[in-house]
Amino acid sequence: MKGYCVELKDNGQDFTKLITDDEGIVLRAEPFQTSIWKGAYIPIESLIIGDMCMIHHPPNIVYGHLKHEVISVTEIQL
């Protein structure tokens, strides 16, 4: 099964990587905060390196952005 690793710029936050399934659903946040971000949706195909990471995670973030730039998006095997 394939998935994606979205690496974010380190701004002192507790996570710098979001691991998603092939549909962009967050499975875990690394190194911390999986319990907060699990289940969020990231539109992988729309991410642009250098832009803020788009994310949808109701009720707190509805089609918004994290305050962290996308460094890379890598396809991975889960």
PDB file of N, CA and C in Angstrom:
ATOM      1  N   MET A   1       0.845  -1.179   0.000  1.00  0.00           N
ATOM      2  CA  MET A   1       0.000   0.000   0.000  1.00  0.00           C
ATOM      3  C   MET A   1       0.889   1.240   0.000  1.00  0.00           C
ATOM      4  N   LYS A   2       0.597   2.183  -0.881  1.00  0.00           N
ATOM      5  CA  LYS A   2       1.412   3.390  -0.932  1.00  0.00           C
ATOM      6  C   LYS A   2       0.795   4.497  -0.089  1.00  0.00           C
ATOM      7  N   GLY A   3       1.622   5.432   0.272  1.00  0.00           N
ATOM      8  CA  GLY A   3       1.211   6.605   1.020  1.00  0.00           C
ATOM      9  C   GLY A   3       2.184   7.725   0.710  1.00  0.00           C
ATOM     10  N   TYR A   4       2.132   8.774   1.512  1.00  0.00           N
ATOM     11  CA  TYR A   4       2.990   9.925   1.281  1.00  0.00           C
ATOM     12  C   TYR A   4       3.566  10.432   2.596  1.00  0.00           C
ATOM     13  N   CYS A   5       4.765  10.967   2.522  1.00  0.00           N
ATOM     14  CA  CYS A   5       5.391  11.650   3.644  1.00  0.00           C
ATOM     15  C   CYS A   5       5.497  13.123   3.253  1.00  0.00           C
ATOM     16  N   VAL A   6       4.785  13.962   3.981  1.00  0.00           N
ATOM     17  CA  VAL A   6       4.835  15.408   3.755  1.00  0.00           C
ATOM     18  C   VAL A   6       5.763  15.989   4.818  1.00  0.00           C
ATOM     19  N   GLU A   7       6.908  16.489   4.366  1.00  0.00           N
ATOM     20  CA  GLU A   7       7.879  17.066   5.298  1.00  0.00           C
ATOM     21  C   GLU A   7       7.666  18.570   5.358  1.00  0.00           C
ATOM     22  N   LEU A   8       7.624  19.091   6.591  1.00  0.00           N
ATOM     23  CA  LEU A   8       7.356  20.506   6.820  1.00  0.00           C
ATOM     24  C   LEU A   8       8.577  21.219   7.367  1.00  0.00           C
ATOM     25  N   LYS A   9       8.666  22.515   7.092  1.00  0.00           N
ATOM     26  CA  LYS A   9       9.739  23.333   7.645  1.00  0.00           C
ATOM     27  C   LYS A   9       9.626  23.307   9.166  1.00  0.00           C
ATOM     28  N   ASP A  10      10.754  23.169   9.840  1.00  0.00           N
ATOM     29  CA  ASP A  10      10.776  23.120  11.297  1.00  0.00           C
ATOM     30  C   ASP A  10      10.751  24.542  11.853  1.00  0.00           C
ATOM     31  N   ASN A  11       9.606  24.895  12.437  1.00  0.00           N
ATOM     32  CA  ASN A  11       9.444  26.193  13.083  1.00  0.00           C
ATOM     33  C   ASN A  11       9.320  26.031  14.591  1.00  0.00           C
ATOM     34  N   GLY A  12       9.836  24.913  15.114  1.00  0.00           N
ATOM     35  CA  GLY A  12       9.769  24.644  16.538  1.00  0.00           C
ATOM     36  C   GLY A  12       8.514  23.886  16.958  1.00  0.00           C
ATOM     37  N   GLN A  13       7.708  23.457  15.971  1.00  0.00           N
ATOM     38  CA  GLN A  13       6.498  22.699  16.282  1.00  0.00           C
ATOM     39  C   GLN A  13       6.862  21.265  16.678  1.00  0.00           C
ATOM     40  N   ASP A  14       5.895  20.529  17.205  1.00  0.00           N
ATOM     41  CA  ASP A  14       6.126  19.164  17.684  1.00  0.00           C
ATOM     42  C   ASP A  14       6.132  18.115  16.582  1.00  0.00           C
ATOM     43  N   PHE A  15       5.844  18.495  15.356  1.00  0.00           N
ATOM     44  CA  PHE A  15       5.844  17.546  14.244  1.00  0.00           C
ATOM     45  C   PHE A  15       6.458  18.211  13.020  1.00  0.00           C
ATOM     46  N   THR A  16       7.229  17.434  12.263  1.00  0.00           N
ATOM     47  CA  THR A  16       7.825  17.948  11.025  1.00  0.00           C
ATOM     48  C   THR A  16       7.469  17.069   9.832  1.00  0.00           C
ATOM     49  N   LYS A  17       6.797  15.943  10.103  1.00  0.00           N
ATOM     50  CA  LYS A  17       6.367  15.053   9.026  1.00  0.00           C
ATOM     51  C   LYS A  17       4.936  14.598   9.282  1.00  0.00           C
ATOM     52  N   LEU A  18       4.153  14.581   8.219  1.00  0.00           N
ATOM     53  CA  LEU A  18       2.813  14.020   8.267  1.00  0.00           C
ATOM     54  C   LEU A  18       2.779  12.857   7.288  1.00  0.00           C
ATOM     55  N   ILE A  19       2.439  11.680   7.768  1.00  0.00           N
ATOM     56  CA  ILE A  19       2.374  10.472   6.946  1.00  0.00           C
ATOM     57  C   ILE A  19       0.903  10.243   6.599  1.00  0.00           C
ATOM     58  N   THR A  20       0.612  10.147   5.293  1.00  0.00           N
ATOM     59  CA  THR A  20      -0.767   9.967   4.845  1.00  0.00           C
ATOM     60  C   THR A  20      -0.917   8.667   4.067  1.00  0.00           C
ATOM     61  N   ASP A  21      -2.172   8.241   3.908  1.00  0.00           N
ATOM     62  CA  ASP A  21      -2.442   7.130   3.006  1.00  0.00           C
ATOM     63  C   ASP A  21      -2.474   7.672   1.581  1.00  0.00           C
ATOM     64  N   ASP A  22      -2.826   6.836   0.614  1.00  0.00           N
ATOM     65  CA  ASP A  22      -2.795   7.267  -0.786  1.00  0.00           C
ATOM     66  C   ASP A  22      -3.876   8.285  -1.129  1.00  0.00           C
ATOM     67  N   GLU A  23      -4.852   8.478  -0.241  1.00  0.00           N
ATOM     68  CA  GLU A  23      -5.911   9.463  -0.471  1.00  0.00           C
ATOM     69  C   GLU A  23      -5.659  10.777   0.261  1.00  0.00           C
ATOM     70  N   GLY A  24      -4.558  10.855   1.013  1.00  0.00           N
ATOM     71  CA  GLY A  24      -4.214  12.082   1.718  1.00  0.00           C
ATOM     72  C   GLY A  24      -4.728  12.158   3.147  1.00  0.00           C
ATOM     73  N   ILE A  25      -5.242  11.052   3.687  1.00  0.00           N
ATOM     74  CA  ILE A  25      -5.704  11.020   5.073  1.00  0.00           C
ATOM     75  C   ILE A  25      -4.498  10.801   5.991  1.00  0.00           C
ATOM     76  N   VAL A  26      -4.320  11.674   6.970  1.00  0.00           N
ATOM     77  CA  VAL A  26      -3.169  11.588   7.873  1.00  0.00           C
ATOM     78  C   VAL A  26      -3.297  10.350   8.757  1.00  0.00           C
ATOM     79  N   LEU A  27      -2.244   9.533   8.737  1.00  0.00           N
ATOM     80  CA  LEU A  27      -2.174   8.336   9.567  1.00  0.00           C
ATOM     81  C   LEU A  27      -1.377   8.595  10.832  1.00  0.00           C
ATOM     82  N   ARG A  28      -0.328   9.435  10.689  1.00  0.00           N
ATOM     83  CA  ARG A  28       0.469   9.778  11.867  1.00  0.00           C
ATOM     84  C   ARG A  28       1.268  11.060  11.608  1.00  0.00           C
ATOM     85  N   ALA A  29       1.638  11.689  12.714  1.00  0.00           N
ATOM     86  CA  ALA A  29       2.498  12.869  12.703  1.00  0.00           C
ATOM     87  C   ALA A  29       3.778  12.482  13.422  1.00  0.00           C
ATOM     88  N   GLU A  30       4.911  12.908  12.884  1.00  0.00           N
ATOM     89  CA  GLU A  30       6.190  12.532  13.493  1.00  0.00           C
ATOM     90  C   GLU A  30       7.001  13.772  13.822  1.00  0.00           C
ATOM     91  N   PRO A  31       7.670  13.849  14.933  1.00  0.00           N
ATOM     92  CA  PRO A  31       7.795  12.774  15.901  1.00  0.00           C
ATOM     93  C   PRO A  31       6.648  12.722  16.923  1.00  0.00           C
ATOM     94  N   PHE A  32       5.841  13.790  17.030  1.00  0.00           N
ATOM     95  CA  PHE A  32       4.777  13.822  18.030  1.00  0.00           C
ATOM     96  C   PHE A  32       3.464  14.315  17.422  1.00  0.00           C
ATOM     97  N   GLN A  33       2.378  14.201  18.159  1.00  0.00           N
ATOM     98  CA  GLN A  33       1.045  14.742  17.883  1.00  0.00           C
ATOM     99  C   GLN A  33       0.188  13.904  16.928  1.00  0.00           C
ATOM    100  N   THR A  34       0.462  12.625  16.800  1.00  0.00           N
ATOM    101  CA  THR A  34      -0.400  11.779  15.977  1.00  0.00           C
ATOM    102  C   THR A  34      -1.844  11.860  16.449  1.00  0.00           C
ATOM    103  N   SER A  35      -2.068  11.875  17.754  1.00  0.00           N
ATOM    104  CA  SER A  35      -3.440  11.892  18.277  1.00  0.00           C
ATOM    105  C   SER A  35      -4.200  13.151  17.861  1.00  0.00           C
ATOM    106  N   ILE A  36      -3.499  14.227  17.595  1.00  0.00           N
ATOM    107  CA  ILE A  36      -4.139  15.480  17.181  1.00  0.00           C
ATOM    108  C   ILE A  36      -4.438  15.487  15.683  1.00  0.00           C
ATOM    109  N   TRP A  37      -3.506  15.016  14.861  1.00  0.00           N
ATOM    110  CA  TRP A  37      -3.616  15.166  13.411  1.00  0.00           C
ATOM    111  C   TRP A  37      -4.172  13.952  12.678  1.00  0.00           C
ATOM    112  N   LYS A  38      -4.237  12.807  13.324  1.00  0.00           N
ATOM    113  CA  LYS A  38      -4.749  11.599  12.662  1.00  0.00           C
ATOM    114  C   LYS A  38      -6.187  11.836  12.171  1.00  0.00           C
ATOM    115  N   GLY A  39      -6.422  11.493  10.906  1.00  0.00           N
ATOM    116  CA  GLY A  39      -7.739  11.656  10.309  1.00  0.00           C
ATOM    117  C   GLY A  39      -7.913  12.928   9.506  1.00  0.00           C
ATOM    118  N   ALA A  40      -6.973  13.864   9.618  1.00  0.00           N
ATOM    119  CA  ALA A  40      -7.035  15.094   8.825  1.00  0.00           C
ATOM    120  C   ALA A  40      -6.823  14.749   7.349  1.00  0.00           C
ATOM    121  N   TYR A  41      -7.241  15.639   6.470  1.00  0.00           N
ATOM    122  CA  TYR A  41      -7.084  15.430   5.034  1.00  0.00           C
ATOM    123  C   TYR A  41      -6.118  16.462   4.465  1.00  0.00           C
ATOM    124  N   ILE A  42      -5.126  15.977   3.718  1.00  0.00           N
ATOM    125  CA  ILE A  42      -4.184  16.840   3.011  1.00  0.00           C
ATOM    126  C   ILE A  42      -4.336  16.560   1.513  1.00  0.00           C
ATOM    127  N   PRO A  43      -4.654  17.576   0.712  1.00  0.00           N
ATOM    128  CA  PRO A  43      -4.784  17.373  -0.732  1.00  0.00           C
ATOM    129  C   PRO A  43      -3.408  17.252  -1.387  1.00  0.00           C
ATOM    130  N   ILE A  44      -2.862  16.053  -1.331  1.00  0.00           N
ATOM    131  CA  ILE A  44      -1.492  15.793  -1.796  1.00  0.00           C
ATOM    132  C   ILE A  44      -1.239  16.363  -3.186  1.00  0.00           C
ATOM    133  N   GLU A  45      -2.160  16.139  -4.107  1.00  0.00           N
ATOM    134  CA  GLU A  45      -1.956  16.554  -5.497  1.00  0.00           C
ATOM    135  C   GLU A  45      -1.918  18.067  -5.664  1.00  0.00           C
ATOM    136  N   SER A  46      -2.385  18.808  -4.664  1.00  0.00           N
ATOM    137  CA  SER A  46      -2.418  20.266  -4.753  1.00  0.00           C
ATOM    138  C   SER A  46      -1.302  20.959  -3.974  1.00  0.00           C
ATOM    139  N   LEU A  47      -0.507  20.194  -3.226  1.00  0.00           N
ATOM    140  CA  LEU A  47       0.568  20.804  -2.445  1.00  0.00           C
ATOM    141  C   LEU A  47       1.653  21.361  -3.354  1.00  0.00           C
ATOM    142  N   ILE A  48       2.193  22.498  -2.957  1.00  0.00           N
ATOM    143  CA  ILE A  48       3.270  23.132  -3.700  1.00  0.00           C
ATOM    144  C   ILE A  48       4.449  23.332  -2.740  1.00  0.00           C
ATOM    145  N   ILE A  49       5.613  22.837  -3.141  1.00  0.00           N
ATOM    146  CA  ILE A  49       6.818  22.990  -2.325  1.00  0.00           C
ATOM    147  C   ILE A  49       7.053  24.485  -2.087  1.00  0.00           C
ATOM    148  N   GLY A  50       7.285  24.854  -0.830  1.00  0.00           N
ATOM    149  CA  GLY A  50       7.516  26.246  -0.471  1.00  0.00           C
ATOM    150  C   GLY A  50       6.279  26.978   0.007  1.00  0.00           C
ATOM    151  N   ASP A  51       5.083  26.450  -0.287  1.00  0.00           N
ATOM    152  CA  ASP A  51       3.836  27.046   0.191  1.00  0.00           C
ATOM    153  C   ASP A  51       3.451  26.445   1.535  1.00  0.00           C
ATOM    154  N   MET A  52       2.553  27.105   2.229  1.00  0.00           N
ATOM    155  CA  MET A  52       2.036  26.572   3.483  1.00  0.00           C
ATOM    156  C   MET A  52       1.258  25.289   3.194  1.00  0.00           C
ATOM    157  N   CYS A  53       1.318  24.343   4.119  1.00  0.00           N
ATOM    158  CA  CYS A  53       0.664  23.044   3.931  1.00  0.00           C
ATOM    159  C   CYS A  53      -0.847  23.174   4.050  1.00  0.00           C
ATOM    160  N   MET A  54      -1.551  22.824   2.989  1.00  0.00           N
ATOM    161  CA  MET A  54      -3.005  22.815   3.012  1.00  0.00           C
ATOM    162  C   MET A  54      -3.487  21.626   3.840  1.00  0.00           C
ATOM    163  N   ILE A  55      -4.576  21.834   4.600  1.00  0.00           N
ATOM    164  CA  ILE A  55      -5.100  20.762   5.436  1.00  0.00           C
ATOM    165  C   ILE A  55      -6.570  21.033   5.740  1.00  0.00           C
ATOM    166  N   HIS A  56      -7.327  19.955   5.909  1.00  0.00           N
ATOM    167  CA  HIS A  56      -8.739  20.033   6.288  1.00  0.00           C
ATOM    168  C   HIS A  56      -8.910  19.126   7.496  1.00  0.00           C
ATOM    169  N   HIS A  57      -9.259  19.716   8.641  1.00  0.00           N
ATOM    170  CA  HIS A  57      -9.379  18.943   9.880  1.00  0.00           C
ATOM    171  C   HIS A  57     -10.448  19.579  10.781  1.00  0.00           C
ATOM    172  N   PRO A  58     -11.736  19.391  10.384  1.00  0.00           N
ATOM    173  CA  PRO A  58     -12.815  19.993  11.175  1.00  0.00           C
ATOM    174  C   PRO A  58     -12.823  19.472  12.595  1.00  0.00           C
ATOM    175  N   PRO A  59     -13.289  20.220  13.554  1.00  0.00           N
ATOM    176  CA  PRO A  59     -13.946  21.527  13.407  1.00  0.00           C
ATOM    177  C   PRO A  59     -12.977  22.699  13.469  1.00  0.00           C
ATOM    178  N   ASN A  60     -11.696  22.448  13.741  1.00  0.00           N
ATOM    179  CA  ASN A  60     -10.750  23.546  13.939  1.00  0.00           C
ATOM    180  C   ASN A  60     -10.169  24.139  12.662  1.00  0.00           C
ATOM    181  N   ILE A  61      -9.915  23.311  11.665  1.00  0.00           N
ATOM    182  CA  ILE A  61      -9.347  23.799  10.399  1.00  0.00           C
ATOM    183  C   ILE A  61     -10.247  23.310   9.271  1.00  0.00           C
ATOM    184  N   VAL A  62     -10.939  24.225   8.632  1.00  0.00           N
ATOM    185  CA  VAL A  62     -11.826  23.871   7.529  1.00  0.00           C
ATOM    186  C   VAL A  62     -11.211  24.430   6.248  1.00  0.00           C
ATOM    187  N   TYR A  63     -10.641  23.534   5.448  1.00  0.00           N
ATOM    188  CA  TYR A  63      -9.968  23.899   4.201  1.00  0.00           C
ATOM    189  C   TYR A  63      -9.023  25.071   4.408  1.00  0.00           C
ATOM    190  N   GLY A  64      -8.097  24.891   5.336  1.00  0.00           N
ATOM    191  CA  GLY A  64      -7.137  25.940   5.657  1.00  0.00           C
ATOM    192  C   GLY A  64      -5.711  25.506   5.421  1.00  0.00           C
ATOM    193  N   HIS A  65      -4.812  26.133   6.151  1.00  0.00           N
ATOM    194  CA  HIS A  65      -3.380  25.882   6.015  1.00  0.00           C
ATOM    195  C   HIS A  65      -2.742  25.791   7.388  1.00  0.00           C
ATOM    196  N   LEU A  66      -1.691  24.991   7.464  1.00  0.00           N
ATOM    197  CA  LEU A  66      -0.821  25.022   8.631  1.00  0.00           C
ATOM    198  C   LEU A  66       0.133  26.192   8.451  1.00  0.00           C
ATOM    199  N   LYS A  67       0.749  26.651   9.516  1.00  0.00           N
ATOM    200  CA  LYS A  67       1.700  27.763   9.430  1.00  0.00           C
ATOM    201  C   LYS A  67       3.114  27.249   9.182  1.00  0.00           C
ATOM    202  N   HIS A  68       3.210  26.178   8.380  1.00  0.00           N
ATOM    203  CA  HIS A  68       4.497  25.556   8.097  1.00  0.00           C
ATOM    204  C   HIS A  68       4.597  25.272   6.601  1.00  0.00           C
ATOM    205  N   GLU A  69       5.718  25.630   6.003  1.00  0.00           N
ATOM    206  CA  GLU A  69       5.941  25.416   4.576  1.00  0.00           C
ATOM    207  C   GLU A  69       6.214  23.951   4.282  1.00  0.00           C
ATOM    208  N   VAL A  70       5.773  23.506   3.115  1.00  0.00           N
ATOM    209  CA  VAL A  70       6.055  22.158   2.633  1.00  0.00           C
ATOM    210  C   VAL A  70       7.476  22.142   2.086  1.00  0.00           C
ATOM    211  N   ILE A  71       8.300  21.227   2.611  1.00  0.00           N
ATOM    212  CA  ILE A  71       9.670  21.068   2.135  1.00  0.00           C
ATOM    213  C   ILE A  71       9.724  20.008   1.041  1.00  0.00           C
ATOM    214  N   SER A  72       8.984  18.902   1.263  1.00  0.00           N
ATOM    215  CA  SER A  72       8.974  17.823   0.272  1.00  0.00           C
ATOM    216  C   SER A  72       7.732  16.952   0.452  1.00  0.00           C
ATOM    217  N   VAL A  73       7.383  16.288  -0.628  1.00  0.00           N
ATOM    218  CA  VAL A  73       6.312  15.280  -0.618  1.00  0.00           C
ATOM    219  C   VAL A  73       6.888  14.047  -1.296  1.00  0.00           C
ATOM    220  N   THR A  74       6.967  12.955  -0.540  1.00  0.00           N
ATOM    221  CA  THR A  74       7.600  11.745  -1.035  1.00  0.00           C
ATOM    222  C   THR A  74       6.606  10.582  -0.974  1.00  0.00           C
ATOM    223  N   GLU A  75       6.525   9.828  -2.058  1.00  0.00           N
ATOM    224  CA  GLU A  75       5.693   8.624  -2.050  1.00  0.00           C
ATOM    225  C   GLU A  75       6.434   7.545  -1.257  1.00  0.00           C
ATOM    226  N   ILE A  76       5.727   6.880  -0.367  1.00  0.00           N
ATOM    227  CA  ILE A  76       6.318   5.837   0.477  1.00  0.00           C
ATOM    228  C   ILE A  76       5.458   4.588   0.456  1.00  0.00           C
ATOM    229  N   GLN A  77       6.024   3.493   0.906  1.00  0.00           N
ATOM    230  CA  GLN A  77       5.274   2.243   1.095  1.00  0.00           C
ATOM    231  C   GLN A  77       4.864   2.149   2.557  1.00  0.00           C
ATOM    232  N   LEU A  78       3.609   1.847   2.795  1.00  0.00           N
ATOM    233  CA  LEU A  78       3.111   1.758   4.174  1.00  0.00           C
ATOM    234  C   LEU A  78       3.149   0.330   4.657  1.00  0.00           C
TER     235      LEU A  78
END
